[in-house]
Amino acid sequence: LTWLQHLALPPLRRRRRAIPRTIAWVDLLFHQIWQTLRSTATRRVAGATRVIWIFGASDRIEGRLAREGLFADAGALKDVDMRLCLFGDPKSLSNFSGKMGRVEVSTHTWEDVGKMGS
């Protein structure tokens, strides 16, 4: 969504898009800071995927946003593939995996965190 389209949405629909849009802005900000700190210009590796972990996810908030496809906005500001990993308690987060535009979303339990490190 463009900024004007976002402003035209009713308040509750705008609020539902707040988390994905915040991810996009933070990603852009950190990239700019990293570019500034580096002494030489960096080139993007072809096919590189940005991975973002969100801890404490639940079906009520993040799971619902994922099922409704609203996380597509998370990659709106940069031309890069993104993978969002939602971590939460298996009692409050159901299994989900899907791709929205250039953003892939998957859910994981706390036990999966330990398996990813090994």
C-alpha atoms as a PDB file:
ATOM      1  CA  LEU A   1       0.000   0.000   0.000  1.00  0.00           C
ATOM      2  CA  THR A   2       1.109   3.515  -0.654  1.00  0.00           C
ATOM      3  CA  TRP A   3       1.129   6.046   2.160  1.00  0.00           C
ATOM      4  CA  LEU A   4      -2.059   7.744   0.915  1.00  0.00           C
ATOM      5  CA  GLN A   5      -3.869   4.417   0.551  1.00  0.00           C
ATOM      6  CA  HIS A   6      -2.797   3.570   4.092  1.00  0.00           C
ATOM      7  CA  LEU A   7      -4.186   6.881   5.407  1.00  0.00           C
ATOM      8  CA  ALA A   8      -7.491   6.280   3.628  1.00  0.00           C
ATOM      9  CA  LEU A   9      -8.084   3.013   5.525  1.00  0.00           C
ATOM     10  CA  PRO A  10     -10.392   2.998   8.557  1.00  0.00           C
ATOM     11  CA  PRO A  11      -8.481   3.222  11.883  1.00  0.00           C
ATOM     12  CA  LEU A  12      -8.787  -0.459  12.842  1.00  0.00           C
ATOM     13  CA  ARG A  13      -7.601  -1.648   9.423  1.00  0.00           C
ATOM     14  CA  ARG A  14      -4.653   0.760   9.659  1.00  0.00           C
ATOM     15  CA  ARG A  15      -3.771  -0.598  13.095  1.00  0.00           C
ATOM     16  CA  ARG A  16      -3.712  -4.176  11.752  1.00  0.00           C
ATOM     17  CA  ARG A  17      -1.058  -3.113   9.256  1.00  0.00           C
ATOM     18  CA  ALA A  18       1.112  -1.391  11.892  1.00  0.00           C
ATOM     19  CA  ILE A  19       3.325  -4.387  12.775  1.00  0.00           C
ATOM     20  CA  PRO A  20       4.263  -5.289   9.169  1.00  0.00           C
ATOM     21  CA  ARG A  21       4.904  -1.640   8.277  1.00  0.00           C
ATOM     22  CA  THR A  22       7.071  -1.213  11.400  1.00  0.00           C
ATOM     23  CA  ILE A  23       9.147  -4.224  10.325  1.00  0.00           C
ATOM     24  CA  ALA A  24       9.665  -2.594   6.918  1.00  0.00           C
ATOM     25  CA  TRP A  25      10.760   0.743   8.441  1.00  0.00           C
ATOM     26  CA  VAL A  26      13.131  -0.879  10.958  1.00  0.00           C
ATOM     27  CA  ASP A  27      14.654  -3.007   8.213  1.00  0.00           C
ATOM     28  CA  LEU A  28      15.243   0.090   6.085  1.00  0.00           C
ATOM     29  CA  LEU A  29      16.669   2.038   9.044  1.00  0.00           C
ATOM     30  CA  PHE A  30      19.114  -0.706  10.072  1.00  0.00           C
ATOM     31  CA  HIS A  31      20.247  -1.116   6.485  1.00  0.00           C
ATOM     32  CA  GLN A  32      20.960   2.622   6.210  1.00  0.00           C
ATOM     33  CA  ILE A  33      22.875   2.615   9.510  1.00  0.00           C
ATOM     34  CA  TRP A  34      24.905  -0.412   8.403  1.00  0.00           C
ATOM     35  CA  GLN A  35      25.731   1.231   5.074  1.00  0.00           C
ATOM     36  CA  THR A  36      26.870   4.382   6.881  1.00  0.00           C
ATOM     37  CA  LEU A  37      29.136   2.460   9.273  1.00  0.00           C
ATOM     38  CA  ARG A  38      30.837   0.452   6.567  1.00  0.00           C
ATOM     39  CA  SER A  39      33.875   2.071   5.011  1.00  0.00           C
ATOM     40  CA  THR A  40      33.342   0.535   1.579  1.00  0.00           C
ATOM     41  CA  ALA A  41      30.160   0.199  -0.435  1.00  0.00           C
ATOM     42  CA  THR A  42      28.643  -3.254  -0.155  1.00  0.00           C
ATOM     43  CA  ARG A  43      26.899  -5.147  -2.872  1.00  0.00           C
ATOM     44  CA  ARG A  44      23.867  -7.271  -2.199  1.00  0.00           C
ATOM     45  CA  VAL A  45      24.382 -10.973  -2.651  1.00  0.00           C
ATOM     46  CA  ALA A  46      22.045 -12.215  -5.365  1.00  0.00           C
ATOM     47  CA  GLY A  47      19.282 -14.315  -3.857  1.00  0.00           C
ATOM     48  CA  ALA A  48      19.987 -13.200  -0.270  1.00  0.00           C
ATOM     49  CA  THR A  49      17.007 -13.448   2.067  1.00  0.00           C
ATOM     50  CA  ARG A  50      16.480 -11.229   5.119  1.00  0.00           C
ATOM     51  CA  VAL A  51      15.394 -13.316   8.153  1.00  0.00           C
ATOM     52  CA  ILE A  52      13.459 -11.721  11.026  1.00  0.00           C
ATOM     53  CA  TRP A  53      12.421 -13.574  14.184  1.00  0.00           C
ATOM     54  CA  ILE A  54       9.400 -12.398  16.180  1.00  0.00           C
ATOM     55  CA  PHE A  55       9.174 -13.885  19.677  1.00  0.00           C
ATOM     56  CA  GLY A  56       6.017 -14.163  21.776  1.00  0.00           C
ATOM     57  CA  ALA A  57       3.727 -14.474  18.750  1.00  0.00           C
ATOM     58  CA  SER A  58       0.114 -15.606  19.213  1.00  0.00           C
ATOM     59  CA  ASP A  59      -2.767 -16.571  16.930  1.00  0.00           C
ATOM     60  CA  ARG A  60      -4.733 -13.603  18.210  1.00  0.00           C
ATOM     61  CA  ILE A  61      -2.343 -10.998  16.797  1.00  0.00           C
ATOM     62  CA  GLU A  62       0.557 -12.148  14.610  1.00  0.00           C
ATOM     63  CA  GLY A  63      -1.092 -15.406  13.509  1.00  0.00           C
ATOM     64  CA  ARG A  64      -4.163 -13.521  12.345  1.00  0.00           C
ATOM     65  CA  LEU A  65      -2.049 -10.983  10.461  1.00  0.00           C
ATOM     66  CA  ALA A  66      -0.180 -13.824   8.754  1.00  0.00           C
ATOM     67  CA  ARG A  67      -3.347 -15.679   7.715  1.00  0.00           C
ATOM     68  CA  GLU A  68      -4.850 -12.467   6.311  1.00  0.00           C
ATOM     69  CA  GLY A  69      -1.724 -11.777   4.230  1.00  0.00           C
ATOM     70  CA  LEU A  70      -0.911  -8.471   5.907  1.00  0.00           C
ATOM     71  CA  PHE A  71       2.778  -9.317   6.407  1.00  0.00           C
ATOM     72  CA  ALA A  72       3.300  -8.614   2.694  1.00  0.00           C
ATOM     73  CA  ASP A  73       3.776  -4.990   3.788  1.00  0.00           C
ATOM     74  CA  ALA A  74       6.883  -5.999   5.782  1.00  0.00           C
ATOM     75  CA  GLY A  75       8.959  -6.077   2.598  1.00  0.00           C
ATOM     76  CA  ALA A  76       7.358  -3.039   0.998  1.00  0.00           C
ATOM     77  CA  LEU A  77      10.249  -0.597   1.354  1.00  0.00           C
ATOM     78  CA  LYS A  78      13.125  -2.733   0.065  1.00  0.00           C
ATOM     79  CA  ASP A  79      13.519  -4.934  -2.959  1.00  0.00           C
ATOM     80  CA  VAL A  80      14.590  -8.018  -1.027  1.00  0.00           C
ATOM     81  CA  ASP A  81      13.111 -11.405  -0.132  1.00  0.00           C
ATOM     82  CA  MET A  82      12.186 -11.682   3.530  1.00  0.00           C
ATOM     83  CA  ARG A  83      11.454 -14.605   5.856  1.00  0.00           C
ATOM     84  CA  LEU A  84       9.488 -13.940   9.052  1.00  0.00           C
ATOM     85  CA  CYS A  85       9.682 -16.628  11.739  1.00  0.00           C
ATOM     86  CA  LEU A  86       6.965 -16.287  14.385  1.00  0.00           C
ATOM     87  CA  PHE A  87       7.840 -18.014  17.665  1.00  0.00           C
ATOM     88  CA  GLY A  88       5.321 -18.709  20.405  1.00  0.00           C
ATOM     89  CA  ASP A  89       3.767 -21.177  22.807  1.00  0.00           C
ATOM     90  CA  PRO A  90       2.170 -24.129  20.954  1.00  0.00           C
ATOM     91  CA  LYS A  91      -1.006 -23.562  23.020  1.00  0.00           C
ATOM     92  CA  SER A  92      -1.434 -20.026  21.662  1.00  0.00           C
ATOM     93  CA  LEU A  93       0.114 -20.262  18.165  1.00  0.00           C
ATOM     94  CA  SER A  94      -1.148 -22.675  15.513  1.00  0.00           C
ATOM     95  CA  ASN A  95       0.962 -24.034  12.675  1.00  0.00           C
ATOM     96  CA  PHE A  96       1.073 -21.754   9.628  1.00  0.00           C
ATOM     97  CA  SER A  97       3.312 -21.339   6.619  1.00  0.00           C
ATOM     98  CA  GLY A  98       2.739 -19.147   3.606  1.00  0.00           C
ATOM     99  CA  LYS A  99       4.206 -16.678   1.137  1.00  0.00           C
ATOM    100  CA  MET A 100       2.847 -13.168   0.608  1.00  0.00           C
ATOM    101  CA  GLY A 101       4.585 -11.426  -2.250  1.00  0.00           C
ATOM    102  CA  ARG A 102       8.297 -11.501  -1.397  1.00  0.00           C
ATOM    103  CA  VAL A 103       7.659 -12.272   2.285  1.00  0.00           C
ATOM    104  CA  GLU A 104       7.561 -15.868   3.543  1.00  0.00           C
ATOM    105  CA  VAL A 105       5.963 -16.419   6.978  1.00  0.00           C
ATOM    106  CA  SER A 106       6.210 -19.529   9.159  1.00  0.00           C
ATOM    107  CA  THR A 107       5.298 -20.309  12.767  1.00  0.00           C
ATOM    108  CA  HIS A 108       7.482 -22.189  15.241  1.00  0.00           C
ATOM    109  CA  THR A 109       7.278 -23.314  18.864  1.00  0.00           C
ATOM    110  CA  TRP A 110       9.783 -22.502  21.601  1.00  0.00           C
ATOM    111  CA  GLU A 111      11.300 -25.975  21.181  1.00  0.00           C
ATOM    112  CA  ASP A 112      12.164 -25.140  17.569  1.00  0.00           C
ATOM    113  CA  VAL A 113      14.503 -22.348  18.762  1.00  0.00           C
ATOM    114  CA  GLY A 114      16.841 -24.936  20.298  1.00  0.00           C
ATOM    115  CA  LYS A 115      16.726 -27.118  17.188  1.00  0.00           C
ATOM    116  CA  MET A 116      17.676 -24.199  14.914  1.00  0.00           C
ATOM    117  CA  GLY A 117      20.905 -23.606  16.821  1.00  0.00           C
ATOM    118  CA  SER A 118      22.166 -27.156  16.419  1.00  0.00           C
END
